[in-house]
Amino acid sequence: MVEANALAAAIGARVKQERKTRHWTLDQLAEVAGVSRRMIVNVENGAANPSVNTLLRISDALGIGLPALVEPPARSGVRVTRKDEGSTLWQGDHGGRGVLVAGTQKPDVLELWDWTLNVGDTHVSEEHMAGTKELLQVLSGTAEIVVGDEAFRLTAGDAITFSGDLPHSYTNVDQDTVRFVLAVFEPNVGSRENGAASARHS
């Protein structure tokens, strides 16, 4: 996996570059993203370990999509991610992790994730922007997926499709490690006025 400090530095540099391209102050980006100015400063300095929710708020505010924060677009339009080259953007309290393996650029952003939830791990997401869809398949273990007020228990081989613009969470309810793949589709990224998110994202 990409080393954490190097990833934080790369994300910080990209956020700063995108903010300056828009001639936004730190306060302007903080306001549009709905996060504190201190958080923006820490992210740009590579000193923060922001949550996935925070990174999504910032990428929505900039109108570029989460994959663009991790690495710039490939010149040829083709990018190969080798084994263990994904970006770990979430780490659970019990050692689980969410790895962004690959993603496309705006306007229609598609993200591919590799998730591991150790015993006791839960990841809670805010609502994504309107129109976001998620597809998840459990590869091993048993996971509980909560979407809005509904809970679904999935075992190895089971899959679920749902609207990501509802609050949702993924929880390991097994005594073994849970592993699942997740695809997230965000349409029309960057089309909102001033690049601002019309709804808050996970």
N, C-alpha and C. Protein backbone atom coordinates (compact mmCIF):
# COMPACT_ATOMS: atom_id res chain seq x y z
N MET A 1 0.83 -1.19 0.00
CA MET A 1 0.00 0.00 0.00
C MET A 1 0.88 1.26 0.00
N VAL A 2 0.29 2.37 -0.49
CA VAL A 2 1.02 3.63 -0.48
C VAL A 2 1.30 4.02 0.96
N GLU A 3 2.55 4.39 1.25
CA GLU A 3 2.97 4.75 2.61
C GLU A 3 2.17 5.96 3.08
N ALA A 4 1.71 5.92 4.36
CA ALA A 4 0.74 6.90 4.86
C ALA A 4 1.24 8.34 4.76
N ASN A 5 2.48 8.60 5.14
CA ASN A 5 3.00 9.97 5.10
C ASN A 5 3.09 10.50 3.68
N ALA A 6 3.53 9.64 2.76
CA ALA A 6 3.62 10.05 1.36
C ALA A 6 2.24 10.33 0.79
N LEU A 7 1.26 9.51 1.17
CA LEU A 7 -0.11 9.71 0.69
C LEU A 7 -0.68 11.02 1.22
N ALA A 8 -0.46 11.28 2.52
CA ALA A 8 -0.95 12.53 3.12
C ALA A 8 -0.33 13.74 2.44
N ALA A 9 0.96 13.66 2.13
CA ALA A 9 1.64 14.77 1.46
C ALA A 9 1.09 14.99 0.05
N ALA A 10 0.84 13.88 -0.67
CA ALA A 10 0.32 13.99 -2.03
C ALA A 10 -1.08 14.58 -2.04
N ILE A 11 -1.92 14.14 -1.10
CA ILE A 11 -3.28 14.67 -1.01
C ILE A 11 -3.23 16.16 -0.67
N GLY A 12 -2.37 16.52 0.29
CA GLY A 12 -2.25 17.92 0.69
C GLY A 12 -1.83 18.82 -0.45
N ALA A 13 -0.85 18.35 -1.24
CA ALA A 13 -0.37 19.14 -2.37
C ALA A 13 -1.47 19.32 -3.42
N ARG A 14 -2.25 18.26 -3.64
CA ARG A 14 -3.32 18.35 -4.64
C ARG A 14 -4.43 19.30 -4.18
N VAL A 15 -4.80 19.21 -2.90
CA VAL A 15 -5.83 20.11 -2.38
C VAL A 15 -5.38 21.56 -2.51
N LYS A 16 -4.14 21.82 -2.14
CA LYS A 16 -3.62 23.19 -2.22
C LYS A 16 -3.59 23.69 -3.66
N GLN A 17 -3.15 22.82 -4.57
CA GLN A 17 -3.11 23.20 -5.99
C GLN A 17 -4.50 23.52 -6.52
N GLU A 18 -5.47 22.66 -6.21
CA GLU A 18 -6.83 22.88 -6.70
C GLU A 18 -7.45 24.13 -6.09
N ARG A 19 -7.17 24.36 -4.81
CA ARG A 19 -7.71 25.56 -4.16
C ARG A 19 -7.14 26.83 -4.80
N LYS A 20 -5.82 26.83 -5.03
CA LYS A 20 -5.19 28.02 -5.61
C LYS A 20 -5.62 28.24 -7.05
N THR A 21 -5.86 27.16 -7.78
CA THR A 21 -6.35 27.28 -9.16
C THR A 21 -7.68 28.03 -9.19
N ARG A 22 -8.49 27.82 -8.14
CA ARG A 22 -9.79 28.48 -8.05
C ARG A 22 -9.69 29.85 -7.38
N HIS A 23 -8.49 30.23 -6.95
CA HIS A 23 -8.28 31.50 -6.25
C HIS A 23 -9.13 31.58 -4.98
N TRP A 24 -9.25 30.44 -4.31
CA TRP A 24 -10.00 30.38 -3.06
C TRP A 24 -9.05 30.55 -1.89
N THR A 25 -9.53 31.22 -0.86
CA THR A 25 -8.78 31.27 0.39
C THR A 25 -9.04 29.98 1.17
N LEU A 26 -8.27 29.78 2.21
CA LEU A 26 -8.51 28.63 3.10
C LEU A 26 -9.91 28.69 3.68
N ASP A 27 -10.33 29.90 4.05
CA ASP A 27 -11.66 30.06 4.64
C ASP A 27 -12.76 29.73 3.65
N GLN A 28 -12.55 30.10 2.37
CA GLN A 28 -13.58 29.80 1.36
C GLN A 28 -13.73 28.31 1.16
N LEU A 29 -12.61 27.59 1.05
CA LEU A 29 -12.70 26.15 0.87
C LEU A 29 -13.32 25.50 2.11
N ALA A 30 -12.94 25.95 3.27
CA ALA A 30 -13.49 25.39 4.51
C ALA A 30 -15.00 25.57 4.55
N GLU A 31 -15.47 26.76 4.14
CA GLU A 31 -16.91 27.02 4.17
C GLU A 31 -17.66 26.14 3.18
N VAL A 32 -17.15 26.04 1.95
CA VAL A 32 -17.84 25.24 0.94
C VAL A 32 -17.82 23.76 1.30
N ALA A 33 -16.71 23.29 1.86
CA ALA A 33 -16.58 21.87 2.22
C ALA A 33 -17.29 21.53 3.51
N GLY A 34 -17.57 22.54 4.34
CA GLY A 34 -18.22 22.26 5.61
C GLY A 34 -17.29 21.64 6.64
N VAL A 35 -16.00 22.01 6.56
CA VAL A 35 -15.03 21.55 7.55
C VAL A 35 -14.31 22.78 8.11
N SER A 36 -13.54 22.58 9.16
CA SER A 36 -12.87 23.72 9.78
C SER A 36 -11.67 24.20 8.96
N ARG A 37 -11.33 25.47 9.13
CA ARG A 37 -10.15 26.02 8.47
C ARG A 37 -8.90 25.27 8.93
N ARG A 38 -8.85 24.94 10.22
CA ARG A 38 -7.70 24.22 10.76
C ARG A 38 -7.53 22.87 10.05
N MET A 39 -8.65 22.20 9.76
CA MET A 39 -8.56 20.92 9.05
C MET A 39 -7.98 21.11 7.66
N ILE A 40 -8.42 22.14 6.94
CA ILE A 40 -7.88 22.41 5.60
C ILE A 40 -6.38 22.67 5.68
N VAL A 41 -5.97 23.48 6.65
CA VAL A 41 -4.54 23.78 6.82
C VAL A 41 -3.76 22.48 7.08
N ASN A 42 -4.27 21.66 7.97
CA ASN A 42 -3.58 20.40 8.30
C ASN A 42 -3.52 19.45 7.12
N VAL A 43 -4.61 19.38 6.36
CA VAL A 43 -4.62 18.51 5.17
C VAL A 43 -3.59 19.01 4.16
N GLU A 44 -3.59 20.31 3.88
CA GLU A 44 -2.65 20.85 2.89
C GLU A 44 -1.20 20.68 3.33
N ASN A 45 -0.95 20.69 4.62
CA ASN A 45 0.41 20.50 5.13
C ASN A 45 0.79 19.04 5.27
N GLY A 46 -0.15 18.14 4.94
CA GLY A 46 0.12 16.71 5.08
C GLY A 46 0.23 16.26 6.52
N ALA A 47 -0.30 17.10 7.44
CA ALA A 47 -0.16 16.82 8.87
C ALA A 47 -1.39 16.13 9.44
N ALA A 48 -2.45 16.02 8.66
CA ALA A 48 -3.69 15.44 9.17
C ALA A 48 -3.87 14.02 8.66
N ASN A 49 -4.68 13.26 9.39
CA ASN A 49 -5.10 11.95 8.93
C ASN A 49 -6.62 12.03 8.79
N PRO A 50 -7.10 12.74 7.76
CA PRO A 50 -8.54 13.01 7.66
C PRO A 50 -9.33 11.75 7.37
N SER A 51 -10.57 11.77 7.82
CA SER A 51 -11.47 10.65 7.56
C SER A 51 -11.86 10.64 6.09
N VAL A 52 -12.41 9.50 5.65
CA VAL A 52 -12.92 9.42 4.28
C VAL A 52 -14.01 10.47 4.09
N ASN A 53 -14.86 10.65 5.11
CA ASN A 53 -15.92 11.65 5.01
C ASN A 53 -15.35 13.04 4.74
N THR A 54 -14.28 13.40 5.45
CA THR A 54 -13.67 14.72 5.27
C THR A 54 -13.07 14.86 3.87
N LEU A 55 -12.37 13.82 3.41
CA LEU A 55 -11.79 13.88 2.07
C LEU A 55 -12.87 14.00 1.00
N LEU A 56 -13.99 13.34 1.20
CA LEU A 56 -15.08 13.43 0.24
C LEU A 56 -15.71 14.82 0.25
N ARG A 57 -15.82 15.42 1.44
CA ARG A 57 -16.35 16.78 1.51
C ARG A 57 -15.44 17.74 0.74
N ILE A 58 -14.13 17.57 0.93
CA ILE A 58 -13.17 18.46 0.26
C ILE A 58 -13.18 18.23 -1.25
N SER A 59 -13.17 16.97 -1.67
CA SER A 59 -13.17 16.70 -3.12
C SER A 59 -14.46 17.14 -3.77
N ASP A 60 -15.59 17.01 -3.06
CA ASP A 60 -16.87 17.51 -3.58
C ASP A 60 -16.82 19.03 -3.72
N ALA A 61 -16.29 19.69 -2.69
CA ALA A 61 -16.22 21.15 -2.73
C ALA A 61 -15.38 21.64 -3.90
N LEU A 62 -14.29 20.93 -4.18
CA LEU A 62 -13.41 21.29 -5.29
C LEU A 62 -13.97 20.82 -6.64
N GLY A 63 -14.96 19.93 -6.59
CA GLY A 63 -15.58 19.45 -7.82
C GLY A 63 -14.70 18.54 -8.65
N ILE A 64 -13.87 17.72 -7.96
CA ILE A 64 -12.92 16.88 -8.70
C ILE A 64 -13.09 15.38 -8.46
N GLY A 65 -13.78 14.98 -7.42
CA GLY A 65 -13.93 13.56 -7.12
C GLY A 65 -12.76 13.03 -6.30
N LEU A 66 -13.04 12.07 -5.44
CA LEU A 66 -12.03 11.54 -4.53
C LEU A 66 -10.80 10.95 -5.22
N PRO A 67 -10.94 10.16 -6.29
CA PRO A 67 -9.73 9.59 -6.92
C PRO A 67 -8.71 10.64 -7.34
N ALA A 68 -9.20 11.83 -7.74
CA ALA A 68 -8.28 12.88 -8.19
C ALA A 68 -7.45 13.44 -7.05
N LEU A 69 -7.91 13.29 -5.80
CA LEU A 69 -7.10 13.73 -4.67
C LEU A 69 -5.92 12.81 -4.44
N VAL A 70 -6.08 11.55 -4.80
CA VAL A 70 -5.04 10.55 -4.54
C VAL A 70 -3.95 10.58 -5.59
N GLU A 71 -4.33 10.73 -6.84
CA GLU A 71 -3.34 10.81 -7.91
C GLU A 71 -3.92 11.53 -9.12
N PRO A 72 -3.09 12.25 -9.87
CA PRO A 72 -3.58 13.01 -11.03
C PRO A 72 -4.04 12.08 -12.16
N PRO A 73 -4.80 12.59 -13.10
CA PRO A 73 -5.27 11.77 -14.21
C PRO A 73 -4.11 11.20 -15.03
N ALA A 74 -4.30 9.98 -15.51
CA ALA A 74 -3.29 9.37 -16.39
C ALA A 74 -3.38 10.03 -17.76
N ARG A 75 -2.21 10.35 -18.33
CA ARG A 75 -2.20 11.07 -19.61
C ARG A 75 -2.87 10.29 -20.72
N SER A 76 -2.68 8.99 -20.73
CA SER A 76 -3.25 8.17 -21.81
C SER A 76 -4.69 7.77 -21.54
N GLY A 77 -5.17 8.04 -20.33
CA GLY A 77 -6.50 7.60 -19.96
C GLY A 77 -6.51 6.18 -19.44
N VAL A 78 -5.34 5.54 -19.40
CA VAL A 78 -5.23 4.17 -18.89
C VAL A 78 -4.29 4.18 -17.70
N ARG A 79 -4.73 3.60 -16.60
CA ARG A 79 -3.88 3.50 -15.42
C ARG A 79 -3.96 2.09 -14.86
N VAL A 80 -2.83 1.50 -14.59
CA VAL A 80 -2.77 0.17 -13.99
C VAL A 80 -2.35 0.32 -12.53
N THR A 81 -3.12 -0.27 -11.63
CA THR A 81 -2.75 -0.29 -10.21
C THR A 81 -2.30 -1.70 -9.87
N ARG A 82 -1.04 -1.85 -9.54
CA ARG A 82 -0.51 -3.16 -9.20
C ARG A 82 -0.92 -3.56 -7.79
N LYS A 83 -0.81 -4.83 -7.51
CA LYS A 83 -1.12 -5.36 -6.19
C LYS A 83 -0.36 -4.55 -5.13
N ASP A 84 -1.07 -4.18 -4.06
CA ASP A 84 -0.50 -3.43 -2.94
C ASP A 84 -0.16 -1.99 -3.28
N GLU A 85 -0.65 -1.45 -4.41
CA GLU A 85 -0.41 -0.05 -4.76
C GLU A 85 -1.60 0.86 -4.46
N GLY A 86 -2.67 0.29 -3.92
CA GLY A 86 -3.84 1.11 -3.62
C GLY A 86 -3.56 2.08 -2.48
N SER A 87 -4.46 3.04 -2.29
CA SER A 87 -4.31 4.07 -1.26
C SER A 87 -5.24 3.76 -0.08
N THR A 88 -4.67 3.52 1.09
CA THR A 88 -5.46 3.26 2.29
C THR A 88 -5.99 4.57 2.83
N LEU A 89 -7.30 4.79 2.69
CA LEU A 89 -7.92 6.04 3.11
C LEU A 89 -8.73 5.90 4.39
N TRP A 90 -8.87 4.66 4.89
CA TRP A 90 -9.56 4.45 6.16
C TRP A 90 -8.87 3.33 6.91
N GLN A 91 -8.69 3.52 8.20
CA GLN A 91 -8.16 2.47 9.07
C GLN A 91 -9.06 2.33 10.27
N GLY A 92 -9.50 1.12 10.55
CA GLY A 92 -10.42 0.88 11.65
C GLY A 92 -9.72 0.78 12.99
N ASP A 93 -10.49 0.89 14.04
CA ASP A 93 -9.95 0.81 15.40
C ASP A 93 -9.35 -0.55 15.71
N HIS A 94 -9.77 -1.56 14.93
CA HIS A 94 -9.31 -2.92 15.17
C HIS A 94 -8.43 -3.46 14.04
N GLY A 95 -7.94 -2.54 13.21
CA GLY A 95 -6.99 -2.94 12.17
C GLY A 95 -7.55 -3.10 10.78
N GLY A 96 -8.85 -2.90 10.63
CA GLY A 96 -9.43 -2.97 9.29
C GLY A 96 -8.97 -1.80 8.45
N ARG A 97 -9.24 -1.86 7.15
CA ARG A 97 -8.86 -0.75 6.28
C ARG A 97 -9.71 -0.70 5.03
N GLY A 98 -9.85 0.52 4.52
CA GLY A 98 -10.52 0.75 3.26
C GLY A 98 -9.50 1.27 2.27
N VAL A 99 -9.29 0.53 1.19
CA VAL A 99 -8.26 0.86 0.21
C VAL A 99 -8.91 1.27 -1.10
N LEU A 100 -8.66 2.49 -1.53
CA LEU A 100 -9.12 2.94 -2.85
C LEU A 100 -8.15 2.36 -3.88
N VAL A 101 -8.61 1.38 -4.62
CA VAL A 101 -7.76 0.65 -5.56
C VAL A 101 -7.63 1.39 -6.88
N ALA A 102 -8.75 1.93 -7.35
CA ALA A 102 -8.74 2.60 -8.65
C ALA A 102 -9.94 3.53 -8.73
N GLY A 103 -9.84 4.51 -9.64
CA GLY A 103 -10.95 5.42 -9.82
C GLY A 103 -10.83 6.18 -11.12
N THR A 104 -11.97 6.61 -11.61
CA THR A 104 -11.99 7.39 -12.84
C THR A 104 -12.09 8.87 -12.49
N GLN A 105 -11.89 9.72 -13.49
CA GLN A 105 -11.93 11.16 -13.29
C GLN A 105 -13.34 11.68 -13.58
N LYS A 106 -13.60 12.94 -13.18
CA LYS A 106 -14.90 13.56 -13.42
C LYS A 106 -15.16 13.67 -14.93
N PRO A 107 -16.40 13.81 -15.35
CA PRO A 107 -17.56 14.14 -14.54
C PRO A 107 -18.25 12.94 -13.89
N ASP A 108 -18.18 11.76 -14.47
CA ASP A 108 -18.81 10.59 -13.87
C ASP A 108 -17.72 9.75 -13.22
N VAL A 109 -17.65 9.85 -11.89
CA VAL A 109 -16.56 9.23 -11.15
C VAL A 109 -16.98 7.86 -10.65
N LEU A 110 -16.14 6.87 -10.92
CA LEU A 110 -16.36 5.51 -10.44
C LEU A 110 -15.17 5.12 -9.58
N GLU A 111 -15.44 4.70 -8.36
CA GLU A 111 -14.39 4.30 -7.43
C GLU A 111 -14.47 2.80 -7.17
N LEU A 112 -13.32 2.15 -7.10
CA LEU A 112 -13.26 0.72 -6.75
C LEU A 112 -12.47 0.59 -5.46
N TRP A 113 -13.09 -0.02 -4.45
CA TRP A 113 -12.50 -0.14 -3.12
C TRP A 113 -12.32 -1.60 -2.72
N ASP A 114 -11.31 -1.85 -1.92
CA ASP A 114 -11.07 -3.16 -1.30
C ASP A 114 -11.14 -2.92 0.22
N TRP A 115 -12.15 -3.49 0.85
CA TRP A 115 -12.39 -3.26 2.28
C TRP A 115 -12.10 -4.51 3.11
N THR A 116 -11.47 -4.30 4.25
CA THR A 116 -11.27 -5.34 5.25
C THR A 116 -11.77 -4.81 6.59
N LEU A 117 -12.67 -5.55 7.23
CA LEU A 117 -13.15 -5.18 8.55
C LEU A 117 -12.76 -6.29 9.52
N ASN A 118 -11.92 -5.96 10.47
CA ASN A 118 -11.58 -6.92 11.50
C ASN A 118 -12.71 -7.00 12.53
N VAL A 119 -12.65 -7.98 13.41
CA VAL A 119 -13.68 -8.16 14.43
C VAL A 119 -13.83 -6.86 15.23
N GLY A 120 -15.05 -6.33 15.28
CA GLY A 120 -15.32 -5.10 16.01
C GLY A 120 -15.27 -3.84 15.17
N ASP A 121 -14.83 -3.94 13.92
CA ASP A 121 -14.72 -2.76 13.06
C ASP A 121 -16.07 -2.35 12.46
N THR A 122 -16.28 -1.03 12.41
CA THR A 122 -17.44 -0.43 11.75
C THR A 122 -16.99 0.82 11.02
N HIS A 123 -17.51 1.02 9.81
CA HIS A 123 -17.28 2.29 9.11
C HIS A 123 -18.63 2.93 8.86
N VAL A 124 -18.80 4.16 9.32
CA VAL A 124 -20.05 4.90 9.17
C VAL A 124 -19.84 6.01 8.14
N SER A 125 -20.73 6.07 7.16
CA SER A 125 -20.64 7.07 6.10
C SER A 125 -21.77 8.08 6.20
N GLU A 126 -21.45 9.32 5.89
CA GLU A 126 -22.49 10.33 5.69
C GLU A 126 -23.14 10.08 4.33
N GLU A 127 -24.18 10.85 4.06
CA GLU A 127 -24.79 10.76 2.73
C GLU A 127 -23.82 11.25 1.67
N HIS A 128 -23.76 10.55 0.55
CA HIS A 128 -23.02 11.04 -0.61
C HIS A 128 -23.90 12.06 -1.34
N MET A 129 -23.34 12.68 -2.37
CA MET A 129 -24.12 13.63 -3.15
C MET A 129 -25.25 12.89 -3.88
N ALA A 130 -26.29 13.63 -4.21
CA ALA A 130 -27.48 13.05 -4.84
C ALA A 130 -27.10 12.28 -6.10
N GLY A 131 -27.69 11.11 -6.26
CA GLY A 131 -27.46 10.29 -7.44
C GLY A 131 -26.36 9.25 -7.28
N THR A 132 -25.63 9.27 -6.17
CA THR A 132 -24.56 8.30 -5.94
C THR A 132 -25.13 6.90 -5.75
N LYS A 133 -24.49 5.92 -6.36
CA LYS A 133 -24.89 4.51 -6.22
C LYS A 133 -23.71 3.71 -5.70
N GLU A 134 -23.99 2.70 -4.88
CA GLU A 134 -22.95 1.81 -4.38
C GLU A 134 -23.33 0.37 -4.68
N LEU A 135 -22.32 -0.41 -5.04
CA LEU A 135 -22.47 -1.85 -5.25
C LEU A 135 -21.40 -2.54 -4.40
N LEU A 136 -21.81 -3.51 -3.61
CA LEU A 136 -20.90 -4.16 -2.67
C LEU A 136 -21.09 -5.66 -2.75
N GLN A 137 -19.97 -6.40 -2.76
CA GLN A 137 -20.04 -7.86 -2.68
C GLN A 137 -19.10 -8.35 -1.60
N VAL A 138 -19.65 -9.18 -0.71
CA VAL A 138 -18.85 -9.76 0.37
C VAL A 138 -18.06 -10.94 -0.18
N LEU A 139 -16.76 -10.93 0.08
CA LEU A 139 -15.89 -12.02 -0.37
C LEU A 139 -15.68 -13.05 0.72
N SER A 140 -15.66 -12.60 1.99
CA SER A 140 -15.50 -13.54 3.11
C SER A 140 -16.07 -12.92 4.37
N GLY A 141 -16.53 -13.78 5.29
CA GLY A 141 -17.09 -13.31 6.54
C GLY A 141 -18.54 -12.87 6.40
N THR A 142 -19.05 -12.24 7.46
CA THR A 142 -20.43 -11.76 7.49
C THR A 142 -20.44 -10.29 7.85
N ALA A 143 -21.09 -9.48 7.02
CA ALA A 143 -21.15 -8.04 7.23
C ALA A 143 -22.59 -7.60 7.37
N GLU A 144 -22.80 -6.58 8.20
CA GLU A 144 -24.10 -5.94 8.27
C GLU A 144 -24.00 -4.59 7.59
N ILE A 145 -24.83 -4.39 6.58
CA ILE A 145 -24.86 -3.14 5.83
C ILE A 145 -26.14 -2.42 6.22
N VAL A 146 -26.01 -1.23 6.77
CA VAL A 146 -27.17 -0.43 7.14
C VAL A 146 -27.31 0.71 6.15
N VAL A 147 -28.49 0.82 5.55
CA VAL A 147 -28.79 1.88 4.59
C VAL A 147 -30.04 2.59 5.09
N GLY A 148 -29.89 3.86 5.48
CA GLY A 148 -31.02 4.55 6.08
C GLY A 148 -31.42 3.84 7.36
N ASP A 149 -32.67 3.38 7.42
CA ASP A 149 -33.18 2.69 8.61
C ASP A 149 -33.23 1.18 8.44
N GLU A 150 -32.69 0.67 7.33
CA GLU A 150 -32.75 -0.77 7.06
C GLU A 150 -31.38 -1.42 7.23
N ALA A 151 -31.37 -2.62 7.81
CA ALA A 151 -30.14 -3.37 8.01
C ALA A 151 -30.20 -4.67 7.21
N PHE A 152 -29.08 -5.00 6.58
CA PHE A 152 -29.00 -6.20 5.76
C PHE A 152 -27.76 -6.99 6.16
N ARG A 153 -27.92 -8.29 6.40
CA ARG A 153 -26.79 -9.13 6.77
C ARG A 153 -26.36 -9.92 5.54
N LEU A 154 -25.11 -9.78 5.14
CA LEU A 154 -24.59 -10.43 3.95
C LEU A 154 -23.44 -11.37 4.31
N THR A 155 -23.43 -12.53 3.68
CA THR A 155 -22.34 -13.48 3.85
C THR A 155 -21.59 -13.63 2.53
N ALA A 156 -20.52 -14.41 2.54
CA ALA A 156 -19.66 -14.54 1.36
C ALA A 156 -20.47 -14.88 0.11
N GLY A 157 -20.26 -14.08 -0.93
CA GLY A 157 -20.96 -14.26 -2.20
C GLY A 157 -22.17 -13.37 -2.36
N ASP A 158 -22.72 -12.86 -1.25
CA ASP A 158 -23.88 -11.97 -1.33
C ASP A 158 -23.47 -10.59 -1.81
N ALA A 159 -24.40 -9.91 -2.47
CA ALA A 159 -24.14 -8.56 -2.97
C ALA A 159 -25.32 -7.67 -2.68
N ILE A 160 -25.07 -6.38 -2.65
CA ILE A 160 -26.12 -5.40 -2.40
C ILE A 160 -25.86 -4.16 -3.25
N THR A 161 -26.94 -3.56 -3.73
CA THR A 161 -26.87 -2.29 -4.47
C THR A 161 -27.77 -1.30 -3.75
N PHE A 162 -27.28 -0.08 -3.54
CA PHE A 162 -28.10 0.89 -2.82
C PHE A 162 -27.71 2.32 -3.20
N SER A 163 -28.58 3.25 -2.83
CA SER A 163 -28.32 4.67 -3.07
C SER A 163 -27.39 5.20 -2.00
N GLY A 164 -26.27 5.77 -2.42
CA GLY A 164 -25.30 6.28 -1.47
C GLY A 164 -25.66 7.63 -0.90
N ASP A 165 -26.79 8.21 -1.35
CA ASP A 165 -27.17 9.51 -0.80
C ASP A 165 -28.04 9.36 0.45
N LEU A 166 -28.00 8.16 1.05
CA LEU A 166 -28.58 7.91 2.36
C LEU A 166 -27.44 7.60 3.33
N PRO A 167 -27.61 7.89 4.62
CA PRO A 167 -26.58 7.48 5.58
C PRO A 167 -26.42 5.96 5.52
N HIS A 168 -25.19 5.47 5.62
CA HIS A 168 -24.98 4.03 5.54
C HIS A 168 -23.73 3.63 6.32
N SER A 169 -23.66 2.36 6.63
CA SER A 169 -22.51 1.87 7.39
C SER A 169 -22.24 0.42 7.04
N TYR A 170 -20.99 0.00 7.31
CA TYR A 170 -20.56 -1.38 7.10
C TYR A 170 -19.98 -1.87 8.42
N THR A 171 -20.43 -3.03 8.91
CA THR A 171 -19.99 -3.54 10.20
C THR A 171 -19.66 -5.02 10.10
N ASN A 172 -18.57 -5.43 10.74
CA ASN A 172 -18.23 -6.83 10.86
C ASN A 172 -19.05 -7.42 12.01
N VAL A 173 -19.94 -8.36 11.70
CA VAL A 173 -20.75 -9.01 12.73
C VAL A 173 -20.35 -10.48 12.86
N ASP A 174 -19.13 -10.79 12.40
CA ASP A 174 -18.62 -12.15 12.41
C ASP A 174 -17.52 -12.25 13.46
N GLN A 175 -17.05 -13.44 13.71
CA GLN A 175 -15.89 -13.66 14.58
C GLN A 175 -14.61 -13.79 13.77
N ASP A 176 -14.73 -13.61 12.48
CA ASP A 176 -13.58 -13.63 11.57
C ASP A 176 -13.54 -12.33 10.79
N THR A 177 -12.44 -12.10 10.10
CA THR A 177 -12.29 -10.90 9.27
C THR A 177 -13.29 -10.92 8.12
N VAL A 178 -13.85 -9.76 7.84
CA VAL A 178 -14.76 -9.59 6.71
C VAL A 178 -14.00 -8.88 5.60
N ARG A 179 -14.19 -9.35 4.38
CA ARG A 179 -13.59 -8.67 3.23
C ARG A 179 -14.65 -8.49 2.17
N PHE A 180 -14.70 -7.27 1.60
CA PHE A 180 -15.65 -7.02 0.52
C PHE A 180 -15.08 -6.03 -0.48
N VAL A 181 -15.60 -6.09 -1.69
CA VAL A 181 -15.25 -5.11 -2.71
C VAL A 181 -16.43 -4.16 -2.85
N LEU A 182 -16.12 -2.90 -3.13
CA LEU A 182 -17.14 -1.87 -3.19
C LEU A 182 -16.88 -0.98 -4.40
N ALA A 183 -17.93 -0.75 -5.17
CA ALA A 183 -17.87 0.21 -6.28
C ALA A 183 -18.81 1.37 -5.94
N VAL A 184 -18.31 2.59 -6.11
CA VAL A 184 -19.12 3.78 -5.84
C VAL A 184 -19.16 4.62 -7.12
N PHE A 185 -20.38 4.95 -7.54
CA PHE A 185 -20.56 5.76 -8.76
C PHE A 185 -21.15 7.11 -8.38
N GLU A 186 -20.44 8.19 -8.75
CA GLU A 186 -20.90 9.56 -8.50
C GLU A 186 -21.07 10.27 -9.85
N PRO A 187 -22.28 10.58 -10.23
CA PRO A 187 -22.50 11.25 -11.53
C PRO A 187 -22.29 12.75 -11.45
N ASN A 188 -21.85 13.32 -12.55
CA ASN A 188 -21.80 14.78 -12.72
C ASN A 188 -20.98 15.50 -11.65
N VAL A 189 -19.87 14.93 -11.27
CA VAL A 189 -19.00 15.58 -10.30
C VAL A 189 -18.43 16.86 -10.91
N GLY A 190 -18.47 17.94 -10.16
CA GLY A 190 -17.95 19.22 -10.64
C GLY A 190 -18.94 20.05 -11.40
N SER A 191 -20.16 19.54 -11.57
CA SER A 191 -21.15 20.30 -12.34
C SER A 191 -21.95 21.26 -11.48
N ARG A 192 -21.82 21.11 -10.15
CA ARG A 192 -22.57 21.99 -9.26
C ARG A 192 -21.95 23.38 -9.26
N GLU A 193 -22.75 24.38 -9.00
CA GLU A 193 -22.30 25.78 -9.02
C GLU A 193 -21.12 25.96 -8.07
N ASN A 194 -20.05 26.59 -8.58
CA ASN A 194 -18.83 26.85 -7.83
C ASN A 194 -18.12 25.57 -7.39
N GLY A 195 -18.52 24.43 -7.95
CA GLY A 195 -17.90 23.18 -7.54
C GLY A 195 -18.30 22.75 -6.16
N ALA A 196 -19.31 23.36 -5.59
CA ALA A 196 -19.71 23.03 -4.22
C ALA A 196 -20.62 21.83 -4.20
N ALA A 197 -20.56 21.09 -3.12
CA ALA A 197 -21.41 19.93 -2.96
C ALA A 197 -22.83 20.38 -2.65
N SER A 198 -23.79 19.80 -3.36
CA SER A 198 -25.18 20.14 -3.07
C SER A 198 -25.68 19.32 -1.90
N ALA A 199 -24.98 18.25 -1.60
CA ALA A 199 -25.33 17.44 -0.44
C ALA A 199 -24.05 16.89 0.13
N ARG A 200 -24.02 16.62 1.41
CA ARG A 200 -22.81 16.13 2.03
C ARG A 200 -22.62 14.64 1.77
N HIS A 201 -21.37 14.23 1.66
CA HIS A 201 -20.89 13.01 1.06
C HIS A 201 -20.16 12.12 2.07
N SER A 202 -19.98 10.69 1.95
CA SER A 202 -19.12 9.77 2.75
C SER A 202 -17.94 9.22 2.12
